[in-house]
Amino acid sequence: KDPSEEEKIALITFELNQRGLKIGKRELNYIFNYHSRDLDSLLKLANQLDKVSLEKKKSITTNLIKELIQ
């Protein structure tokens, strides 16, 4: 069974928290409105957010997410 949207949000939040990153509700809403909701795509995005936020030494913002999903 495919995870529910709430489960996907919890999983992405957990994945990012495990990496020492925080993501807010606004940013999560942006992801779920403008990005594919399948689990593989969401986990790939979490990896990209981790890498880019470290490289740029920035926290996760909607602008950072926009850069990655355009």
N, C-alpha and C. Protein backbone atom coordinates (compact mmCIF):
# COMPACT_ATOMS: atom_id res chain seq x y z
N LYS A 1 0.84 -1.19 0.00
CA LYS A 1 0.00 0.00 0.00
C LYS A 1 0.88 1.25 0.00
N ASP A 2 0.50 2.19 -0.83
CA ASP A 2 1.24 3.45 -0.92
C ASP A 2 1.01 4.28 0.35
N PRO A 3 2.07 4.90 0.88
CA PRO A 3 1.88 5.73 2.08
C PRO A 3 0.96 6.91 1.81
N SER A 4 0.24 7.33 2.84
CA SER A 4 -0.63 8.50 2.73
C SER A 4 0.23 9.76 2.65
N GLU A 5 -0.41 10.87 2.30
CA GLU A 5 0.33 12.13 2.23
C GLU A 5 0.92 12.49 3.60
N GLU A 6 0.16 12.25 4.66
CA GLU A 6 0.66 12.54 6.01
C GLU A 6 1.90 11.69 6.32
N GLU A 7 1.87 10.42 5.90
CA GLU A 7 3.02 9.55 6.13
C GLU A 7 4.23 10.02 5.32
N LYS A 8 3.98 10.48 4.11
CA LYS A 8 5.08 10.99 3.28
C LYS A 8 5.68 12.24 3.90
N ILE A 9 4.84 13.13 4.40
CA ILE A 9 5.32 14.35 5.06
C ILE A 9 6.17 13.97 6.27
N ALA A 10 5.67 13.03 7.06
CA ALA A 10 6.41 12.58 8.25
C ALA A 10 7.75 11.97 7.85
N LEU A 11 7.75 11.19 6.78
CA LEU A 11 8.98 10.54 6.34
C LEU A 11 10.02 11.55 5.86
N ILE A 12 9.59 12.51 5.05
CA ILE A 12 10.52 13.54 4.56
C ILE A 12 11.06 14.36 5.72
N THR A 13 10.18 14.73 6.64
CA THR A 13 10.61 15.50 7.82
C THR A 13 11.62 14.69 8.62
N PHE A 14 11.34 13.41 8.83
CA PHE A 14 12.25 12.54 9.57
C PHE A 14 13.60 12.42 8.86
N GLU A 15 13.56 12.18 7.55
CA GLU A 15 14.80 12.04 6.77
C GLU A 15 15.67 13.29 6.92
N LEU A 16 15.06 14.45 6.78
CA LEU A 16 15.83 15.69 6.87
C LEU A 16 16.31 15.93 8.29
N ASN A 17 15.47 15.63 9.28
CA ASN A 17 15.88 15.81 10.68
C ASN A 17 17.06 14.90 11.03
N GLN A 18 17.07 13.69 10.47
CA GLN A 18 18.18 12.76 10.70
C GLN A 18 19.50 13.34 10.19
N ARG A 19 19.40 14.20 9.20
CA ARG A 19 20.59 14.83 8.61
C ARG A 19 20.90 16.17 9.26
N GLY A 20 20.14 16.50 10.30
CA GLY A 20 20.37 17.76 11.00
C GLY A 20 19.72 18.95 10.35
N LEU A 21 18.76 18.70 9.46
CA LEU A 21 18.07 19.78 8.76
C LEU A 21 16.65 19.92 9.26
N LYS A 22 16.18 21.13 9.28
CA LYS A 22 14.80 21.39 9.67
C LYS A 22 14.04 21.88 8.44
N ILE A 23 12.77 21.48 8.37
CA ILE A 23 11.92 21.96 7.28
C ILE A 23 10.58 22.36 7.88
N GLY A 24 10.10 23.52 7.46
CA GLY A 24 8.86 24.05 8.01
C GLY A 24 7.64 23.60 7.22
N LYS A 25 6.48 23.88 7.78
CA LYS A 25 5.22 23.51 7.12
C LYS A 25 5.07 24.21 5.77
N ARG A 26 5.48 25.46 5.72
CA ARG A 26 5.37 26.22 4.46
C ARG A 26 6.17 25.54 3.35
N GLU A 27 7.39 25.11 3.69
CA GLU A 27 8.25 24.46 2.71
C GLU A 27 7.69 23.09 2.31
N LEU A 28 7.18 22.36 3.29
CA LEU A 28 6.56 21.06 2.98
C LEU A 28 5.34 21.24 2.08
N ASN A 29 4.53 22.24 2.38
CA ASN A 29 3.36 22.51 1.52
C ASN A 29 3.80 22.84 0.11
N TYR A 30 4.87 23.61 -0.02
CA TYR A 30 5.37 23.96 -1.35
C TYR A 30 5.78 22.70 -2.11
N ILE A 31 6.51 21.82 -1.44
CA ILE A 31 6.94 20.57 -2.08
C ILE A 31 5.73 19.77 -2.55
N PHE A 32 4.74 19.64 -1.69
CA PHE A 32 3.59 18.80 -2.03
C PHE A 32 2.67 19.46 -3.06
N ASN A 33 2.79 20.76 -3.23
CA ASN A 33 2.00 21.45 -4.27
C ASN A 33 2.70 21.47 -5.62
N TYR A 34 4.03 21.49 -5.62
CA TYR A 34 4.75 21.72 -6.88
C TYR A 34 5.71 20.61 -7.28
N HIS A 35 5.78 19.54 -6.54
CA HIS A 35 6.71 18.46 -6.83
C HIS A 35 5.95 17.14 -6.87
N SER A 36 6.51 16.19 -7.57
CA SER A 36 5.91 14.86 -7.62
C SER A 36 5.77 14.31 -6.20
N ARG A 37 4.68 13.62 -5.95
CA ARG A 37 4.42 13.10 -4.60
C ARG A 37 4.82 11.64 -4.44
N ASP A 38 5.39 11.04 -5.49
CA ASP A 38 5.77 9.64 -5.30
C ASP A 38 6.99 9.57 -4.39
N LEU A 39 7.05 8.51 -3.62
CA LEU A 39 8.03 8.39 -2.55
C LEU A 39 9.46 8.48 -3.05
N ASP A 40 9.78 7.82 -4.15
CA ASP A 40 11.15 7.88 -4.68
C ASP A 40 11.56 9.31 -5.01
N SER A 41 10.67 10.05 -5.66
CA SER A 41 10.98 11.45 -6.00
C SER A 41 11.17 12.30 -4.75
N LEU A 42 10.34 12.06 -3.75
CA LEU A 42 10.45 12.83 -2.51
C LEU A 42 11.77 12.53 -1.78
N LEU A 43 12.17 11.27 -1.77
CA LEU A 43 13.44 10.92 -1.12
C LEU A 43 14.63 11.48 -1.89
N LYS A 44 14.54 11.48 -3.22
CA LYS A 44 15.61 12.09 -4.03
C LYS A 44 15.69 13.59 -3.74
N LEU A 45 14.54 14.23 -3.61
CA LEU A 45 14.53 15.66 -3.29
C LEU A 45 15.16 15.90 -1.92
N ALA A 46 14.87 15.04 -0.95
CA ALA A 46 15.47 15.17 0.39
C ALA A 46 17.00 15.09 0.28
N ASN A 47 17.50 14.17 -0.54
CA ASN A 47 18.95 14.06 -0.74
C ASN A 47 19.51 15.33 -1.37
N GLN A 48 18.81 15.85 -2.37
CA GLN A 48 19.26 17.08 -3.03
C GLN A 48 19.24 18.26 -2.06
N LEU A 49 18.19 18.35 -1.26
CA LEU A 49 18.11 19.45 -0.29
C LEU A 49 19.25 19.37 0.71
N ASP A 50 19.56 18.17 1.15
CA ASP A 50 20.67 17.96 2.08
C ASP A 50 21.97 18.45 1.45
N LYS A 51 22.25 18.00 0.24
CA LYS A 51 23.49 18.35 -0.44
C LYS A 51 23.60 19.85 -0.70
N VAL A 52 22.56 20.42 -1.27
CA VAL A 52 22.60 21.84 -1.66
C VAL A 52 22.62 22.75 -0.43
N SER A 53 21.87 22.40 0.60
CA SER A 53 21.87 23.25 1.79
C SER A 53 23.24 23.23 2.46
N LEU A 54 23.93 22.10 2.40
CA LEU A 54 25.30 22.04 2.94
C LEU A 54 26.27 22.85 2.08
N GLU A 55 26.16 22.67 0.77
CA GLU A 55 27.06 23.39 -0.14
C GLU A 55 26.90 24.90 -0.01
N LYS A 56 25.66 25.34 0.07
CA LYS A 56 25.39 26.78 0.12
C LYS A 56 25.35 27.31 1.55
N LYS A 57 25.45 26.39 2.51
CA LYS A 57 25.36 26.76 3.93
C LYS A 57 24.08 27.56 4.20
N LYS A 58 22.98 27.05 3.65
CA LYS A 58 21.68 27.70 3.81
C LYS A 58 20.69 26.72 4.41
N SER A 59 19.72 27.27 5.10
CA SER A 59 18.64 26.41 5.59
C SER A 59 17.66 26.18 4.44
N ILE A 60 16.74 25.26 4.66
CA ILE A 60 15.77 24.92 3.61
C ILE A 60 14.68 25.98 3.57
N THR A 61 14.57 26.62 2.41
CA THR A 61 13.55 27.65 2.19
C THR A 61 12.80 27.30 0.91
N THR A 62 11.68 27.99 0.70
CA THR A 62 10.95 27.75 -0.55
C THR A 62 11.80 28.15 -1.75
N ASN A 63 12.62 29.18 -1.61
CA ASN A 63 13.49 29.59 -2.73
C ASN A 63 14.49 28.49 -3.07
N LEU A 64 15.05 27.85 -2.06
CA LEU A 64 15.99 26.76 -2.30
C LEU A 64 15.28 25.59 -2.99
N ILE A 65 14.08 25.29 -2.54
CA ILE A 65 13.30 24.21 -3.14
C ILE A 65 12.98 24.55 -4.60
N LYS A 66 12.59 25.80 -4.85
CA LYS A 66 12.29 26.24 -6.23
C LYS A 66 13.48 25.99 -7.15
N GLU A 67 14.68 26.31 -6.67
CA GLU A 67 15.89 26.11 -7.47
C GLU A 67 16.03 24.65 -7.88
N LEU A 68 15.69 23.75 -6.98
CA LEU A 68 15.89 22.32 -7.23
C LEU A 68 14.82 21.69 -8.10
N ILE A 69 13.61 22.21 -8.04
CA ILE A 69 12.53 21.51 -8.75
C ILE A 69 12.14 22.16 -10.07
N GLN A 70 12.82 23.22 -10.45
CA GLN A 70 12.50 23.85 -11.74
C GLN A 70 13.11 23.08 -12.88
